[in-house]
Each structure stands twice: as structure tokens, then as C-alpha cells.
Amino acid sequence: MQADPNCVFCKIVAGEIPAKKVYEDDEVLAFHDIRPVAPVHLLVIPKHHIPSTKELTDDDAGWMGRLMVAATKVALAAGCQDGWRTIINTGRIGRQEVMHLHVHLLGGGNEPLPIMLKR
């Protein structure tokens, strides 16, 4: 698998940086966000390095679909039966902080999550 030696998420995949993992298969890793903003705040990442959705091509449809299916498994396993939010930030304008494609999975609690953007 491709890896970027300077990428914090690639280092987590390689076991060089610890993370509180909740799911792992051959292509995907999910772990707790270190700065949670909801009762459940997990990150779901591909194990291979791709900076963002901006770099996706038609050839990536298969593993990207499997990433989203894994996110659903993770959400349900985390107890988010009544719903959750998935967020993929892309680039500076999208407020992406780590340049390794990742899905934020937010949920938990009894109340709906706050509105994301004001109208």
C-alpha cells in the first residue's frame, strides 16, 4: 500500500503512532478523533495514502464505496442507531487539517446534532 512517511494517518496505519482503534480490515481503519466534538466522533480512513477527495478518479470508486460501507458498520457498532453525520473535508477551503482522506463520523447522544451551516 502507498504511504506518505510524513503523514500522521499513515503513521497510525503503520502502528508508529498509537490510536484508539474501533475497526480495521485490509483497506480501512477507524479510530477515535483526539479532539471529539460529539459523543461519538470517529475517523474512518483508507489505509493507503490519498490526500483528499480532490485526487479521486473513476478507478477509486470501489474502495471509496467500501470505505463508506465500513463507516456505516462503525457507526452502528458505536451505537448510533438513530443516525449520524459523515463529513469529508477537502482542501483549505473545506477546512481539511490532515492531508489524508478521512471521514468524520459524528453521532451519539439523544439529541440531533447542531445545524452545520447557517442559512
Protein backbone atom coordinates (compact mmCIF):
# COMPACT_ATOMS: atom_id res chain seq x y z
CA MET A 1 0.00 0.00 0.00
CA GLN A 2 1.09 3.52 -0.69
CA ALA A 3 2.13 5.52 2.35
CA ASP A 4 3.47 9.01 2.95
CA PRO A 5 6.25 8.90 5.57
CA ASN A 6 5.30 12.40 6.73
CA CYS A 7 1.56 11.71 7.12
CA VAL A 8 0.23 11.28 10.66
CA PHE A 9 -2.56 8.96 9.47
CA CYS A 10 -0.10 6.80 7.52
CA LYS A 11 1.94 6.56 10.73
CA ILE A 12 -1.19 5.44 12.61
CA VAL A 13 -1.84 2.79 9.94
CA ALA A 14 1.78 1.61 10.29
CA GLY A 15 1.49 1.43 14.08
CA GLU A 16 4.11 4.15 14.60
CA ILE A 17 1.60 6.42 16.37
CA PRO A 18 -0.95 4.94 18.76
CA ALA A 19 -4.67 5.38 18.18
CA LYS A 20 -7.78 4.07 19.89
CA LYS A 21 -8.90 1.79 17.05
CA VAL A 22 -12.50 0.65 16.71
CA TYR A 23 -12.43 -1.09 13.31
CA GLU A 24 -9.84 -2.44 10.92
CA ASP A 25 -9.84 -4.53 7.76
CA ASP A 26 -7.48 -4.86 4.80
CA GLU A 27 -8.36 -1.42 3.35
CA VAL A 28 -9.86 0.66 6.16
CA LEU A 29 -9.01 1.80 9.67
CA ALA A 30 -11.35 3.60 12.07
CA PHE A 31 -10.32 5.24 15.32
CA HIS A 32 -11.39 7.87 17.85
CA ASP A 33 -10.71 11.51 16.99
CA ILE A 34 -8.32 13.09 19.51
CA ARG A 35 -10.49 16.26 19.61
CA PRO A 36 -14.07 14.95 19.67
CA VAL A 37 -16.93 17.37 19.01
CA ALA A 38 -19.76 14.88 19.61
CA PRO A 39 -20.34 11.94 21.99
CA VAL A 40 -19.21 9.67 19.14
CA HIS A 41 -16.50 11.20 16.93
CA LEU A 42 -14.55 8.67 14.91
CA LEU A 43 -12.30 8.94 11.87
CA VAL A 44 -12.57 6.38 9.09
CA ILE A 45 -9.60 6.34 6.71
CA PRO A 46 -8.29 4.32 3.79
CA LYS A 47 -5.08 2.50 4.72
CA HIS A 48 -3.39 3.73 1.55
CA HIS A 49 -2.42 7.38 1.27
CA ILE A 50 -4.56 9.66 -0.83
CA PRO A 51 -4.51 13.34 0.16
CA SER A 52 -8.19 14.20 -0.38
CA THR A 53 -11.30 13.66 -2.47
CA LYS A 54 -9.80 16.09 -4.98
CA GLU A 55 -7.46 13.33 -6.15
CA LEU A 56 -10.19 10.70 -6.62
CA THR A 57 -10.70 9.18 -10.06
CA ASP A 58 -13.15 6.66 -11.51
CA ASP A 59 -10.66 3.94 -10.54
CA ASP A 60 -11.20 4.80 -6.85
CA ALA A 61 -14.96 4.12 -6.82
CA GLY A 62 -14.61 0.58 -5.45
CA TRP A 63 -12.50 1.25 -2.39
CA MET A 64 -14.28 4.56 -1.72
CA GLY A 65 -17.57 2.68 -1.62
CA ARG A 66 -16.06 0.12 0.75
CA LEU A 67 -14.81 2.99 2.95
CA MET A 68 -18.37 4.32 3.26
CA VAL A 69 -19.78 0.85 3.96
CA ALA A 70 -17.15 0.46 6.70
CA ALA A 71 -18.20 3.87 8.11
CA THR A 72 -21.78 2.57 8.36
CA LYS A 73 -20.62 -0.57 10.20
CA VAL A 74 -18.57 1.58 12.57
CA ALA A 75 -21.49 3.96 13.24
CA LEU A 76 -23.88 1.13 14.05
CA ALA A 77 -21.31 -0.63 16.24
CA ALA A 78 -20.77 2.65 18.12
CA GLY A 79 -24.48 2.77 18.98
CA CYS A 80 -25.58 5.45 16.52
CA GLN A 81 -28.82 3.61 15.71
CA ASP A 82 -30.87 6.82 15.31
CA GLY A 83 -28.45 8.37 12.84
CA TRP A 84 -25.09 10.02 12.44
CA ARG A 85 -23.30 12.57 10.31
CA THR A 86 -20.45 11.84 7.93
CA ILE A 87 -18.20 14.69 6.90
CA ILE A 88 -15.32 14.70 4.44
CA ASN A 89 -13.42 17.99 4.44
CA THR A 90 -11.42 18.70 1.29
CA GLY A 91 -8.59 21.22 1.00
CA ARG A 92 -8.02 24.53 2.74
CA ILE A 93 -11.45 25.99 1.98
CA GLY A 94 -13.08 22.78 3.22
CA ARG A 95 -11.00 23.05 6.43
CA GLN A 96 -9.13 19.78 5.90
CA GLU A 97 -6.39 19.65 8.55
CA VAL A 98 -4.73 16.30 7.79
CA MET A 99 -3.97 15.74 4.12
CA HIS A 100 -5.03 12.10 4.10
CA LEU A 101 -8.62 11.48 3.02
CA HIS A 102 -10.75 10.78 6.08
CA VAL A 103 -14.39 10.58 7.04
CA HIS A 104 -15.50 12.19 10.29
CA LEU A 105 -18.30 10.13 11.80
CA LEU A 106 -20.32 12.09 14.38
CA GLY A 107 -23.25 10.93 16.46
CA GLY A 108 -24.32 9.59 19.81
CA GLY A 109 -26.40 11.20 22.48
CA ASN A 110 -30.17 11.63 22.43
CA GLU A 111 -30.49 14.98 20.66
CA PRO A 112 -29.93 15.78 16.98
CA LEU A 113 -26.56 17.22 16.09
CA PRO A 114 -26.44 21.00 15.62
CA ILE A 115 -27.01 22.53 12.20
CA MET A 116 -23.70 22.66 10.32
CA LEU A 117 -24.08 25.84 8.31
CA LYS A 118 -26.29 28.82 8.96
CA ARG A 119 -28.72 29.62 6.19
